[in-house]
Amino acid sequence: MVRRLLVYLLLDTSGSMKGAPVESIKLGIDNMLSSLKMDPFALENLNLSIITFDREVNETLPMTKLEGLVLPEMKANEINLSNLGMALEFLYRRCDQELIRSTSTTRGDWKPLLFLLSSKEPSDLAKYREIIPKVKSLGFRHIIACAAGLKANPDSLKLLTKKVVQLGNSDSHSFRQFFKWVSEIICKTLFPSESIWPYSAKI
């Protein structure tokens, strides 16, 4: 049985991401996928899920093997609500179902990875705080959050993880560099040899 690496992208598609920012995110992810598909080991083992959140939560891409993966369409919502708590609750249920855990006789999946991109304070802050312990209990190898843009609040993201990147700009260059670094983290998880923190891409 192939030992999978499950990677979850949790992406803010609230009104603040409308237009150029969401298009830049799609371009950054597309470049990331092109790079990962050149790695035979990633091609065999990597599975990716994209969950978007604004007023609602959408499983934009169900957990899919990298080989043959096509990036789906993503659009930002007109309404500037960012229900990150709801998104993490959905993520918790999905990951709990999808992750194959190791037993005394069999090896399960690699510890999963979670990359979260947020552009503003969670609109459902109480739910966000409530779900954090459950998400952490899933045993992610890395939870890395990106506070994108001037309205993003890195302090709220630090309740979930100490690994928080802050991007001052929501432009194509910034997102391209960020997702290039994400692809490096994924590869180094499959071939652990170097430290992946702190964030080192040049923005």
N, C-alpha and C. Protein backbone atom coordinates (compact mmCIF):
# COMPACT_ATOMS: atom_id res chain seq x y z
N MET A 1 0.83 -1.19 0.00
CA MET A 1 0.00 0.00 0.00
C MET A 1 0.87 1.26 0.00
N VAL A 2 0.55 2.21 -0.86
CA VAL A 2 1.28 3.46 -0.93
C VAL A 2 1.00 4.29 0.31
N ARG A 3 2.05 4.77 0.92
CA ARG A 3 1.89 5.61 2.11
C ARG A 3 1.66 7.05 1.65
N ARG A 4 0.47 7.57 1.89
CA ARG A 4 0.10 8.87 1.35
C ARG A 4 0.55 10.02 2.25
N LEU A 5 0.79 11.15 1.61
CA LEU A 5 0.94 12.41 2.33
C LEU A 5 -0.26 13.27 1.98
N LEU A 6 -1.12 13.51 2.96
CA LEU A 6 -2.31 14.32 2.76
C LEU A 6 -1.98 15.79 3.05
N VAL A 7 -2.25 16.65 2.07
CA VAL A 7 -1.98 18.08 2.20
C VAL A 7 -3.29 18.83 2.06
N TYR A 8 -3.59 19.68 3.03
CA TYR A 8 -4.81 20.48 3.02
C TYR A 8 -4.45 21.95 2.82
N LEU A 9 -5.07 22.59 1.83
CA LEU A 9 -4.98 24.03 1.64
C LEU A 9 -6.30 24.65 2.06
N LEU A 10 -6.24 25.53 3.04
CA LEU A 10 -7.43 26.21 3.56
C LEU A 10 -7.32 27.68 3.14
N LEU A 11 -8.16 28.11 2.20
CA LEU A 11 -7.96 29.40 1.54
C LEU A 11 -9.12 30.35 1.76
N ASP A 12 -8.81 31.56 2.16
CA ASP A 12 -9.78 32.63 2.36
C ASP A 12 -10.25 33.15 0.99
N THR A 13 -11.55 33.09 0.75
CA THR A 13 -12.12 33.64 -0.49
C THR A 13 -13.18 34.69 -0.16
N SER A 14 -12.99 35.40 0.94
CA SER A 14 -13.92 36.46 1.32
C SER A 14 -13.75 37.65 0.38
N GLY A 15 -14.59 38.68 0.56
CA GLY A 15 -14.60 39.82 -0.35
C GLY A 15 -13.27 40.52 -0.48
N SER A 16 -12.44 40.49 0.56
CA SER A 16 -11.14 41.16 0.51
C SER A 16 -10.18 40.49 -0.47
N MET A 17 -10.50 39.26 -0.90
CA MET A 17 -9.65 38.53 -1.84
C MET A 17 -10.17 38.62 -3.27
N LYS A 18 -11.22 39.38 -3.47
CA LYS A 18 -11.84 39.46 -4.80
C LYS A 18 -10.91 40.13 -5.82
N GLY A 19 -10.96 39.63 -7.05
CA GLY A 19 -10.17 40.23 -8.12
C GLY A 19 -8.76 39.69 -8.18
N ALA A 20 -7.78 40.59 -8.20
CA ALA A 20 -6.38 40.20 -8.38
C ALA A 20 -5.86 39.23 -7.32
N PRO A 21 -6.19 39.42 -6.01
CA PRO A 21 -5.63 38.49 -5.02
C PRO A 21 -5.99 37.02 -5.27
N VAL A 22 -7.27 36.71 -5.53
CA VAL A 22 -7.64 35.31 -5.73
C VAL A 22 -7.05 34.76 -7.02
N GLU A 23 -6.93 35.60 -8.05
CA GLU A 23 -6.29 35.17 -9.29
C GLU A 23 -4.80 34.88 -9.05
N SER A 24 -4.17 35.68 -8.21
CA SER A 24 -2.76 35.47 -7.87
C SER A 24 -2.56 34.18 -7.09
N ILE A 25 -3.52 33.87 -6.20
CA ILE A 25 -3.45 32.61 -5.45
C ILE A 25 -3.53 31.42 -6.41
N LYS A 26 -4.47 31.48 -7.35
CA LYS A 26 -4.62 30.39 -8.31
C LYS A 26 -3.34 30.20 -9.12
N LEU A 27 -2.73 31.29 -9.53
CA LEU A 27 -1.48 31.21 -10.29
C LEU A 27 -0.38 30.60 -9.43
N GLY A 28 -0.30 31.01 -8.15
CA GLY A 28 0.72 30.46 -7.26
C GLY A 28 0.54 28.97 -7.04
N ILE A 29 -0.71 28.52 -6.85
CA ILE A 29 -0.98 27.09 -6.65
C ILE A 29 -0.68 26.30 -7.92
N ASP A 30 -1.05 26.88 -9.07
CA ASP A 30 -0.80 26.21 -10.35
C ASP A 30 0.70 25.99 -10.56
N ASN A 31 1.50 27.01 -10.25
CA ASN A 31 2.95 26.87 -10.35
C ASN A 31 3.48 25.82 -9.38
N MET A 32 2.92 25.80 -8.17
CA MET A 32 3.31 24.82 -7.17
C MET A 32 3.04 23.39 -7.66
N LEU A 33 1.85 23.17 -8.23
CA LEU A 33 1.49 21.84 -8.72
C LEU A 33 2.39 21.41 -9.87
N SER A 34 2.71 22.34 -10.76
CA SER A 34 3.60 22.02 -11.89
C SER A 34 4.96 21.57 -11.39
N SER A 35 5.46 22.26 -10.34
CA SER A 35 6.75 21.89 -9.77
C SER A 35 6.70 20.52 -9.10
N LEU A 36 5.64 20.27 -8.31
CA LEU A 36 5.53 18.99 -7.60
C LEU A 36 5.36 17.82 -8.55
N LYS A 37 4.70 18.05 -9.68
CA LYS A 37 4.46 16.95 -10.62
C LYS A 37 5.73 16.48 -11.31
N MET A 38 6.81 17.25 -11.16
CA MET A 38 8.10 16.82 -11.73
C MET A 38 8.84 15.89 -10.78
N ASP A 39 8.32 15.72 -9.56
CA ASP A 39 8.93 14.84 -8.56
C ASP A 39 8.19 13.51 -8.56
N PRO A 40 8.82 12.42 -9.02
CA PRO A 40 8.13 11.12 -9.11
C PRO A 40 7.58 10.64 -7.77
N PHE A 41 8.30 10.91 -6.68
CA PHE A 41 7.85 10.45 -5.37
C PHE A 41 6.61 11.22 -4.93
N ALA A 42 6.61 12.54 -5.16
CA ALA A 42 5.43 13.35 -4.85
C ALA A 42 4.26 12.92 -5.72
N LEU A 43 4.53 12.63 -6.98
CA LEU A 43 3.49 12.22 -7.91
C LEU A 43 2.78 10.96 -7.43
N GLU A 44 3.53 10.08 -6.78
CA GLU A 44 2.97 8.81 -6.32
C GLU A 44 2.30 8.93 -4.95
N ASN A 45 2.84 9.79 -4.08
CA ASN A 45 2.41 9.79 -2.68
C ASN A 45 1.54 10.97 -2.26
N LEU A 46 1.65 12.07 -2.97
CA LEU A 46 0.97 13.28 -2.53
C LEU A 46 -0.50 13.30 -2.93
N ASN A 47 -1.35 13.66 -1.96
CA ASN A 47 -2.78 13.88 -2.19
C ASN A 47 -3.13 15.26 -1.65
N LEU A 48 -3.93 16.00 -2.41
CA LEU A 48 -4.20 17.40 -2.06
C LEU A 48 -5.69 17.67 -1.96
N SER A 49 -6.06 18.47 -0.96
CA SER A 49 -7.44 18.93 -0.80
C SER A 49 -7.42 20.45 -0.67
N ILE A 50 -8.36 21.12 -1.33
CA ILE A 50 -8.50 22.57 -1.21
C ILE A 50 -9.87 22.89 -0.63
N ILE A 51 -9.86 23.57 0.50
CA ILE A 51 -11.10 24.00 1.17
C ILE A 51 -11.09 25.52 1.19
N THR A 52 -12.13 26.14 0.62
CA THR A 52 -12.22 27.59 0.62
C THR A 52 -13.28 28.04 1.62
N PHE A 53 -13.08 29.24 2.14
CA PHE A 53 -14.04 29.74 3.14
C PHE A 53 -14.25 31.24 2.97
N ASP A 54 -15.47 31.63 3.13
CA ASP A 54 -15.88 33.04 3.18
C ASP A 54 -17.09 33.07 4.10
N ARG A 55 -18.27 33.43 3.59
CA ARG A 55 -19.48 33.30 4.40
C ARG A 55 -19.81 31.82 4.60
N GLU A 56 -19.47 31.00 3.59
CA GLU A 56 -19.69 29.56 3.62
C GLU A 56 -18.37 28.83 3.46
N VAL A 57 -18.42 27.52 3.61
CA VAL A 57 -17.25 26.67 3.43
C VAL A 57 -17.51 25.75 2.24
N ASN A 58 -16.53 25.66 1.35
CA ASN A 58 -16.67 24.81 0.17
C ASN A 58 -15.46 23.90 0.01
N GLU A 59 -15.73 22.63 -0.24
CA GLU A 59 -14.66 21.69 -0.56
C GLU A 59 -14.39 21.83 -2.07
N THR A 60 -13.58 22.81 -2.40
CA THR A 60 -13.32 23.14 -3.80
C THR A 60 -12.64 21.99 -4.53
N LEU A 61 -11.76 21.30 -3.84
CA LEU A 61 -11.10 20.11 -4.39
C LEU A 61 -11.10 19.03 -3.32
N PRO A 62 -11.90 17.97 -3.48
CA PRO A 62 -11.82 16.84 -2.54
C PRO A 62 -10.43 16.22 -2.60
N MET A 63 -10.07 15.48 -1.56
CA MET A 63 -8.74 14.89 -1.51
C MET A 63 -8.47 14.10 -2.79
N THR A 64 -7.44 14.53 -3.54
CA THR A 64 -7.16 14.01 -4.87
C THR A 64 -5.69 13.71 -5.01
N LYS A 65 -5.36 12.60 -5.64
CA LYS A 65 -3.97 12.27 -5.90
C LYS A 65 -3.37 13.28 -6.87
N LEU A 66 -2.10 13.64 -6.63
CA LEU A 66 -1.44 14.66 -7.45
C LEU A 66 -1.46 14.29 -8.93
N GLU A 67 -1.20 13.03 -9.20
CA GLU A 67 -1.18 12.59 -10.60
C GLU A 67 -2.57 12.78 -11.22
N GLY A 68 -2.65 13.58 -12.24
CA GLY A 68 -3.92 13.82 -12.91
C GLY A 68 -4.75 14.92 -12.30
N LEU A 69 -4.24 15.57 -11.24
CA LEU A 69 -5.00 16.63 -10.57
C LEU A 69 -5.10 17.87 -11.48
N VAL A 70 -6.30 18.41 -11.58
CA VAL A 70 -6.55 19.65 -12.32
C VAL A 70 -7.09 20.68 -11.34
N LEU A 71 -6.47 21.85 -11.31
CA LEU A 71 -6.88 22.88 -10.37
C LEU A 71 -8.28 23.38 -10.72
N PRO A 72 -9.21 23.34 -9.76
CA PRO A 72 -10.58 23.78 -10.04
C PRO A 72 -10.69 25.30 -10.05
N GLU A 73 -11.83 25.79 -10.51
CA GLU A 73 -12.08 27.22 -10.52
C GLU A 73 -12.30 27.71 -9.08
N MET A 74 -11.77 28.89 -8.77
CA MET A 74 -11.97 29.50 -7.47
C MET A 74 -12.37 30.95 -7.65
N LYS A 75 -13.39 31.37 -6.91
CA LYS A 75 -13.84 32.75 -6.96
C LYS A 75 -14.02 33.29 -5.55
N ALA A 76 -13.77 34.58 -5.40
CA ALA A 76 -14.00 35.22 -4.10
C ALA A 76 -15.45 35.65 -4.00
N ASN A 77 -15.97 35.63 -2.78
CA ASN A 77 -17.35 36.02 -2.52
C ASN A 77 -17.47 37.54 -2.45
N GLU A 78 -18.63 38.04 -2.83
CA GLU A 78 -18.87 39.48 -2.76
C GLU A 78 -18.92 39.97 -1.30
N ILE A 79 -19.40 39.10 -0.42
CA ILE A 79 -19.57 39.47 0.99
C ILE A 79 -18.27 39.25 1.75
N ASN A 80 -17.88 40.23 2.55
CA ASN A 80 -16.59 40.18 3.22
C ASN A 80 -16.68 39.52 4.59
N LEU A 81 -17.17 38.28 4.62
CA LEU A 81 -17.18 37.47 5.83
C LEU A 81 -16.14 36.36 5.67
N SER A 82 -15.45 36.07 6.76
CA SER A 82 -14.38 35.07 6.72
C SER A 82 -14.56 34.10 7.88
N ASN A 83 -15.37 33.05 7.65
CA ASN A 83 -15.72 32.11 8.72
C ASN A 83 -14.67 30.99 8.82
N LEU A 84 -13.55 31.37 9.38
CA LEU A 84 -12.44 30.44 9.53
C LEU A 84 -12.78 29.32 10.52
N GLY A 85 -13.54 29.61 11.56
CA GLY A 85 -13.93 28.57 12.51
C GLY A 85 -14.72 27.46 11.84
N MET A 86 -15.68 27.85 10.99
CA MET A 86 -16.46 26.87 10.24
C MET A 86 -15.56 26.04 9.33
N ALA A 87 -14.58 26.70 8.71
CA ALA A 87 -13.67 26.00 7.81
C ALA A 87 -12.83 24.97 8.55
N LEU A 88 -12.34 25.33 9.73
CA LEU A 88 -11.54 24.39 10.51
C LEU A 88 -12.40 23.24 11.03
N GLU A 89 -13.64 23.51 11.34
CA GLU A 89 -14.56 22.45 11.76
C GLU A 89 -14.77 21.45 10.63
N PHE A 90 -14.96 21.95 9.42
CA PHE A 90 -15.10 21.10 8.24
C PHE A 90 -13.82 20.30 8.00
N LEU A 91 -12.68 20.99 8.09
CA LEU A 91 -11.38 20.33 7.93
C LEU A 91 -11.20 19.20 8.93
N TYR A 92 -11.57 19.45 10.18
CA TYR A 92 -11.42 18.43 11.22
C TYR A 92 -12.19 17.17 10.85
N ARG A 93 -13.44 17.32 10.43
CA ARG A 93 -14.25 16.15 10.06
C ARG A 93 -13.64 15.41 8.87
N ARG A 94 -13.22 16.17 7.86
CA ARG A 94 -12.66 15.55 6.67
C ARG A 94 -11.37 14.79 6.98
N CYS A 95 -10.45 15.44 7.67
CA CYS A 95 -9.16 14.81 7.95
C CYS A 95 -9.33 13.59 8.85
N ASP A 96 -10.23 13.68 9.82
CA ASP A 96 -10.48 12.55 10.71
C ASP A 96 -10.99 11.34 9.93
N GLN A 97 -11.75 11.58 8.87
CA GLN A 97 -12.27 10.50 8.02
C GLN A 97 -11.22 9.97 7.04
N GLU A 98 -10.42 10.88 6.50
CA GLU A 98 -9.54 10.54 5.38
C GLU A 98 -8.19 9.97 5.80
N LEU A 99 -7.69 10.36 6.95
CA LEU A 99 -6.36 9.96 7.38
C LEU A 99 -6.34 8.49 7.81
N ILE A 100 -5.47 7.71 7.19
CA ILE A 100 -5.26 6.31 7.59
C ILE A 100 -4.16 6.29 8.63
N ARG A 101 -4.51 5.90 9.84
CA ARG A 101 -3.56 5.93 10.94
C ARG A 101 -2.80 4.62 11.05
N SER A 102 -1.59 4.71 11.54
CA SER A 102 -0.77 3.51 11.74
C SER A 102 -1.31 2.69 12.90
N THR A 103 -1.13 1.38 12.80
CA THR A 103 -1.50 0.47 13.87
C THR A 103 -0.26 -0.32 14.29
N SER A 104 -0.44 -1.24 15.20
CA SER A 104 0.69 -2.05 15.67
C SER A 104 1.23 -2.97 14.57
N THR A 105 0.42 -3.18 13.53
CA THR A 105 0.83 -4.11 12.47
C THR A 105 0.96 -3.47 11.09
N THR A 106 0.43 -2.28 10.91
CA THR A 106 0.48 -1.64 9.59
C THR A 106 0.90 -0.18 9.71
N ARG A 107 1.52 0.32 8.63
CA ARG A 107 1.91 1.72 8.57
C ARG A 107 0.83 2.50 7.84
N GLY A 108 0.39 3.55 8.47
CA GLY A 108 -0.62 4.39 7.85
C GLY A 108 -0.01 5.51 7.04
N ASP A 109 -0.77 6.56 6.83
CA ASP A 109 -0.29 7.72 6.07
C ASP A 109 0.78 8.47 6.84
N TRP A 110 1.53 9.30 6.09
CA TRP A 110 2.41 10.25 6.74
C TRP A 110 1.56 11.24 7.54
N LYS A 111 2.17 11.89 8.52
CA LYS A 111 1.45 12.94 9.23
C LYS A 111 1.06 14.02 8.23
N PRO A 112 -0.19 14.47 8.25
CA PRO A 112 -0.65 15.42 7.23
C PRO A 112 -0.08 16.82 7.43
N LEU A 113 -0.25 17.64 6.39
CA LEU A 113 0.19 19.04 6.41
C LEU A 113 -1.02 19.94 6.21
N LEU A 114 -1.02 21.07 6.90
CA LEU A 114 -2.09 22.06 6.75
C LEU A 114 -1.47 23.42 6.47
N PHE A 115 -1.90 24.04 5.36
CA PHE A 115 -1.49 25.39 5.00
C PHE A 115 -2.75 26.25 4.96
N LEU A 116 -2.75 27.29 5.74
CA LEU A 116 -3.92 28.16 5.89
C LEU A 116 -3.58 29.57 5.43
N LEU A 117 -4.42 30.14 4.57
CA LEU A 117 -4.22 31.51 4.11
C LEU A 117 -5.44 32.34 4.49
N SER A 118 -5.20 33.40 5.26
CA SER A 118 -6.30 34.23 5.76
C SER A 118 -5.99 35.70 5.50
N SER A 119 -7.05 36.48 5.16
CA SER A 119 -6.85 37.89 4.83
C SER A 119 -7.42 38.83 5.88
N LYS A 120 -8.08 38.28 6.91
CA LYS A 120 -8.69 39.15 7.90
C LYS A 120 -8.98 38.38 9.18
N GLU A 121 -9.40 39.08 10.21
CA GLU A 121 -9.79 38.45 11.47
C GLU A 121 -10.96 37.49 11.22
N PRO A 122 -10.95 36.29 11.84
CA PRO A 122 -12.09 35.38 11.67
C PRO A 122 -13.40 36.05 12.07
N SER A 123 -14.42 35.92 11.22
CA SER A 123 -15.73 36.50 11.53
C SER A 123 -16.43 35.72 12.63
N ASP A 124 -16.10 34.43 12.75
CA ASP A 124 -16.69 33.57 13.79
C ASP A 124 -15.63 33.22 14.83
N LEU A 125 -15.13 34.24 15.50
CA LEU A 125 -13.98 34.08 16.38
C LEU A 125 -14.22 33.08 17.50
N ALA A 126 -15.43 33.03 18.07
CA ALA A 126 -15.71 32.09 19.16
C ALA A 126 -15.60 30.65 18.67
N LYS A 127 -16.19 30.37 17.51
CA LYS A 127 -16.10 29.02 16.94
C LYS A 127 -14.66 28.67 16.59
N TYR A 128 -13.93 29.66 16.07
CA TYR A 128 -12.52 29.47 15.72
C TYR A 128 -11.72 29.03 16.95
N ARG A 129 -11.89 29.74 18.04
CA ARG A 129 -11.16 29.39 19.27
C ARG A 129 -11.56 28.00 19.78
N GLU A 130 -12.83 27.66 19.63
CA GLU A 130 -13.35 26.40 20.15
C GLU A 130 -12.81 25.19 19.39
N ILE A 131 -12.63 25.33 18.07
CA ILE A 131 -12.25 24.18 17.25
C ILE A 131 -10.74 23.93 17.24
N ILE A 132 -9.95 24.91 17.65
CA ILE A 132 -8.49 24.78 17.57
C ILE A 132 -7.95 23.52 18.27
N PRO A 133 -8.35 23.20 19.51
CA PRO A 133 -7.81 21.98 20.14
C PRO A 133 -8.11 20.70 19.35
N LYS A 134 -9.29 20.62 18.74
CA LYS A 134 -9.63 19.44 17.95
C LYS A 134 -8.72 19.32 16.73
N VAL A 135 -8.47 20.45 16.06
CA VAL A 135 -7.59 20.43 14.88
C VAL A 135 -6.19 19.99 15.28
N LYS A 136 -5.70 20.52 16.38
CA LYS A 136 -4.36 20.14 16.83
C LYS A 136 -4.27 18.67 17.21
N SER A 137 -5.38 18.10 17.66
CA SER A 137 -5.38 16.69 18.07
C SER A 137 -5.19 15.73 16.91
N LEU A 138 -5.35 16.21 15.69
CA LEU A 138 -5.19 15.35 14.51
C LEU A 138 -3.73 15.00 14.23
N GLY A 139 -2.81 15.72 14.84
CA GLY A 139 -1.40 15.36 14.72
C GLY A 139 -0.75 15.81 13.43
N PHE A 140 -1.09 16.99 12.95
CA PHE A 140 -0.44 17.51 11.75
C PHE A 140 1.06 17.63 11.97
N ARG A 141 1.81 17.28 10.94
CA ARG A 141 3.27 17.46 11.03
C ARG A 141 3.61 18.94 11.05
N HIS A 142 2.95 19.68 10.18
CA HIS A 142 3.11 21.13 10.16
C HIS A 142 1.75 21.78 9.97
N ILE A 143 1.48 22.83 10.74
CA ILE A 143 0.37 23.74 10.47
C ILE A 143 1.01 25.10 10.24
N ILE A 144 0.89 25.61 9.02
CA ILE A 144 1.52 26.87 8.66
C ILE A 144 0.45 27.82 8.16
N ALA A 145 0.39 28.99 8.77
CA ALA A 145 -0.63 29.98 8.42
C ALA A 145 0.03 31.18 7.75
N CYS A 146 -0.70 31.75 6.80
CA CYS A 146 -0.24 32.94 6.09
C CYS A 146 -1.24 34.06 6.30
N ALA A 147 -0.79 35.17 6.89
CA ALA A 147 -1.61 36.36 7.06
C ALA A 147 -1.36 37.24 5.84
N ALA A 148 -2.31 37.27 4.91
CA ALA A 148 -2.11 37.91 3.62
C ALA A 148 -2.76 39.29 3.58
N GLY A 149 -1.96 40.31 3.37
CA GLY A 149 -2.49 41.66 3.25
C GLY A 149 -2.47 42.43 4.56
N LEU A 150 -2.73 43.71 4.46
CA LEU A 150 -2.62 44.59 5.62
C LEU A 150 -3.73 44.39 6.64
N LYS A 151 -4.87 43.82 6.22
CA LYS A 151 -5.99 43.62 7.14
C LYS A 151 -5.91 42.29 7.89
N ALA A 152 -4.97 41.45 7.52
CA ALA A 152 -4.83 40.15 8.18
C ALA A 152 -4.29 40.33 9.59
N ASN A 153 -4.69 39.44 10.49
CA ASN A 153 -4.27 39.53 11.88
C ASN A 153 -3.43 38.30 12.25
N PRO A 154 -2.11 38.42 12.23
CA PRO A 154 -1.27 37.26 12.58
C PRO A 154 -1.47 36.78 14.01
N ASP A 155 -1.87 37.68 14.92
CA ASP A 155 -2.04 37.28 16.32
C ASP A 155 -3.14 36.24 16.48
N SER A 156 -4.25 36.40 15.76
CA SER A 156 -5.32 35.40 15.85
C SER A 156 -4.87 34.07 15.27
N LEU A 157 -4.05 34.11 14.21
CA LEU A 157 -3.55 32.86 13.61
C LEU A 157 -2.57 32.15 14.55
N LYS A 158 -1.89 32.91 15.38
CA LYS A 158 -0.93 32.30 16.31
C LYS A 158 -1.62 31.51 17.42
N LEU A 159 -2.94 31.66 17.56
CA LEU A 159 -3.68 30.79 18.47
C LEU A 159 -3.70 29.36 17.95
N LEU A 160 -3.62 29.21 16.63
CA LEU A 160 -3.63 27.90 15.99
C LEU A 160 -2.23 27.32 15.82
N THR A 161 -1.27 28.17 15.46
CA THR A 161 0.08 27.70 15.18
C THR A 161 1.09 28.83 15.41
N LYS A 162 2.29 28.45 15.82
CA LYS A 162 3.35 29.43 15.98
C LYS A 162 3.99 29.78 14.64
N LYS A 163 3.73 28.95 13.65
CA LYS A 163 4.34 29.15 12.32
C LYS A 163 3.42 30.02 11.47
N VAL A 164 3.60 31.32 11.58
CA VAL A 164 2.75 32.27 10.86
C VAL A 164 3.64 33.16 9.99
N VAL A 165 3.31 33.21 8.73
CA VAL A 165 3.99 34.06 7.75
C VAL A 165 3.10 35.27 7.50
N GLN A 166 3.68 36.45 7.41
CA GLN A 166 2.90 37.64 7.11
C GLN A 166 3.35 38.23 5.78
N LEU A 167 2.40 38.35 4.85
CA LEU A 167 2.67 38.96 3.55
C LEU A 167 2.05 40.36 3.54
N GLY A 168 2.87 41.37 3.33
CA GLY A 168 2.36 42.72 3.29
C GLY A 168 1.55 43.00 2.04
N ASN A 169 1.83 42.26 0.97
CA ASN A 169 1.15 42.46 -0.30
C ASN A 169 0.39 41.21 -0.72
N SER A 170 -0.75 41.41 -1.37
CA SER A 170 -1.53 40.28 -1.91
C SER A 170 -1.40 40.26 -3.42
N ASP A 171 -0.14 40.31 -3.89
CA ASP A 171 0.10 40.35 -5.33
C ASP A 171 0.64 39.02 -5.82
N SER A 172 0.77 38.90 -7.14
CA SER A 172 1.15 37.62 -7.73
C SER A 172 2.56 37.20 -7.33
N HIS A 173 3.46 38.16 -7.20
CA HIS A 173 4.83 37.82 -6.82
C HIS A 173 4.86 37.23 -5.41
N SER A 174 4.15 37.86 -4.47
CA SER A 174 4.15 37.38 -3.08
C SER A 174 3.57 35.98 -2.98
N PHE A 175 2.44 35.75 -3.63
CA PHE A 175 1.81 34.43 -3.55
C PHE A 175 2.62 33.37 -4.30
N ARG A 176 3.24 33.76 -5.42
CA ARG A 176 4.07 32.81 -6.15
C ARG A 176 5.23 32.35 -5.29
N GLN A 177 5.88 33.29 -4.58
CA GLN A 177 6.99 32.93 -3.71
C GLN A 177 6.51 32.09 -2.52
N PHE A 178 5.36 32.44 -1.98
CA PHE A 178 4.85 31.68 -0.84
C PHE A 178 4.56 30.23 -1.24
N PHE A 179 3.87 30.03 -2.35
CA PHE A 179 3.52 28.66 -2.75
C PHE A 179 4.74 27.90 -3.27
N LYS A 180 5.73 28.60 -3.73
CA LYS A 180 7.00 27.93 -4.06
C LYS A 180 7.60 27.35 -2.79
N TRP A 181 7.53 28.12 -1.72
CA TRP A 181 8.04 27.64 -0.43
C TRP A 181 7.20 26.49 0.09
N VAL A 182 5.87 26.55 -0.11
CA VAL A 182 5.00 25.45 0.28
C VAL A 182 5.41 24.16 -0.42
N SER A 183 5.70 24.23 -1.72
CA SER A 183 6.13 23.03 -2.45
C SER A 183 7.43 22.48 -1.88
N GLU A 184 8.33 23.37 -1.45
CA GLU A 184 9.59 22.92 -0.84
C GLU A 184 9.32 22.21 0.48
N ILE A 185 8.37 22.71 1.27
CA ILE A 185 8.02 22.06 2.53
C ILE A 185 7.48 20.66 2.27
N ILE A 186 6.63 20.54 1.28
CA ILE A 186 6.05 19.24 0.95
C ILE A 186 7.15 18.25 0.56
N CYS A 187 8.08 18.69 -0.29
CA CYS A 187 9.16 17.80 -0.71
C CYS A 187 10.07 17.43 0.45
N LYS A 188 10.33 18.39 1.34
CA LYS A 188 11.20 18.11 2.48
C LYS A 188 10.51 17.23 3.52
N THR A 189 9.18 17.21 3.51
CA THR A 189 8.45 16.29 4.38
C THR A 189 8.62 14.87 3.88
N LEU A 190 8.60 14.71 2.56
CA LEU A 190 8.80 13.38 1.97
C LEU A 190 10.26 12.95 2.06
N PHE A 191 11.18 13.93 2.03
CA PHE A 191 12.61 13.65 2.14
C PHE A 191 13.18 14.54 3.24
N PRO A 192 12.93 14.22 4.51
CA PRO A 192 13.32 15.12 5.61
C PRO A 192 14.84 15.21 5.78
N SER A 193 15.39 16.39 5.44
CA SER A 193 16.82 16.57 5.59
C SER A 193 17.19 17.97 6.07
N GLU A 194 16.29 18.94 5.81
CA GLU A 194 16.59 20.31 6.17
C GLU A 194 15.44 20.93 6.95
N SER A 195 15.75 21.98 7.69
CA SER A 195 14.71 22.71 8.41
C SER A 195 13.85 23.51 7.44
N ILE A 196 12.54 23.61 7.70
CA ILE A 196 11.67 24.37 6.82
C ILE A 196 11.24 25.68 7.46
N TRP A 197 11.74 25.98 8.63
CA TRP A 197 11.31 27.19 9.33
C TRP A 197 12.54 27.94 9.83
N PRO A 198 12.62 29.24 9.77
CA PRO A 198 11.54 30.16 9.43
C PRO A 198 11.35 30.31 7.92
N TYR A 199 10.34 31.08 7.59
CA TYR A 199 10.02 31.36 6.20
C TYR A 199 11.19 32.10 5.55
N SER A 200 11.66 31.57 4.42
CA SER A 200 12.89 32.12 3.86
C SER A 200 12.75 32.66 2.44
N ALA A 201 11.56 32.49 1.83
CA ALA A 201 11.39 33.00 0.46
C ALA A 201 11.50 34.51 0.45
N LYS A 202 12.08 35.04 -0.60
CA LYS A 202 12.24 36.48 -0.72
C LYS A 202 10.96 37.09 -1.29
N ILE A 203 10.34 37.95 -0.51
CA ILE A 203 9.08 38.58 -0.92
C ILE A 203 9.39 39.97 -1.46
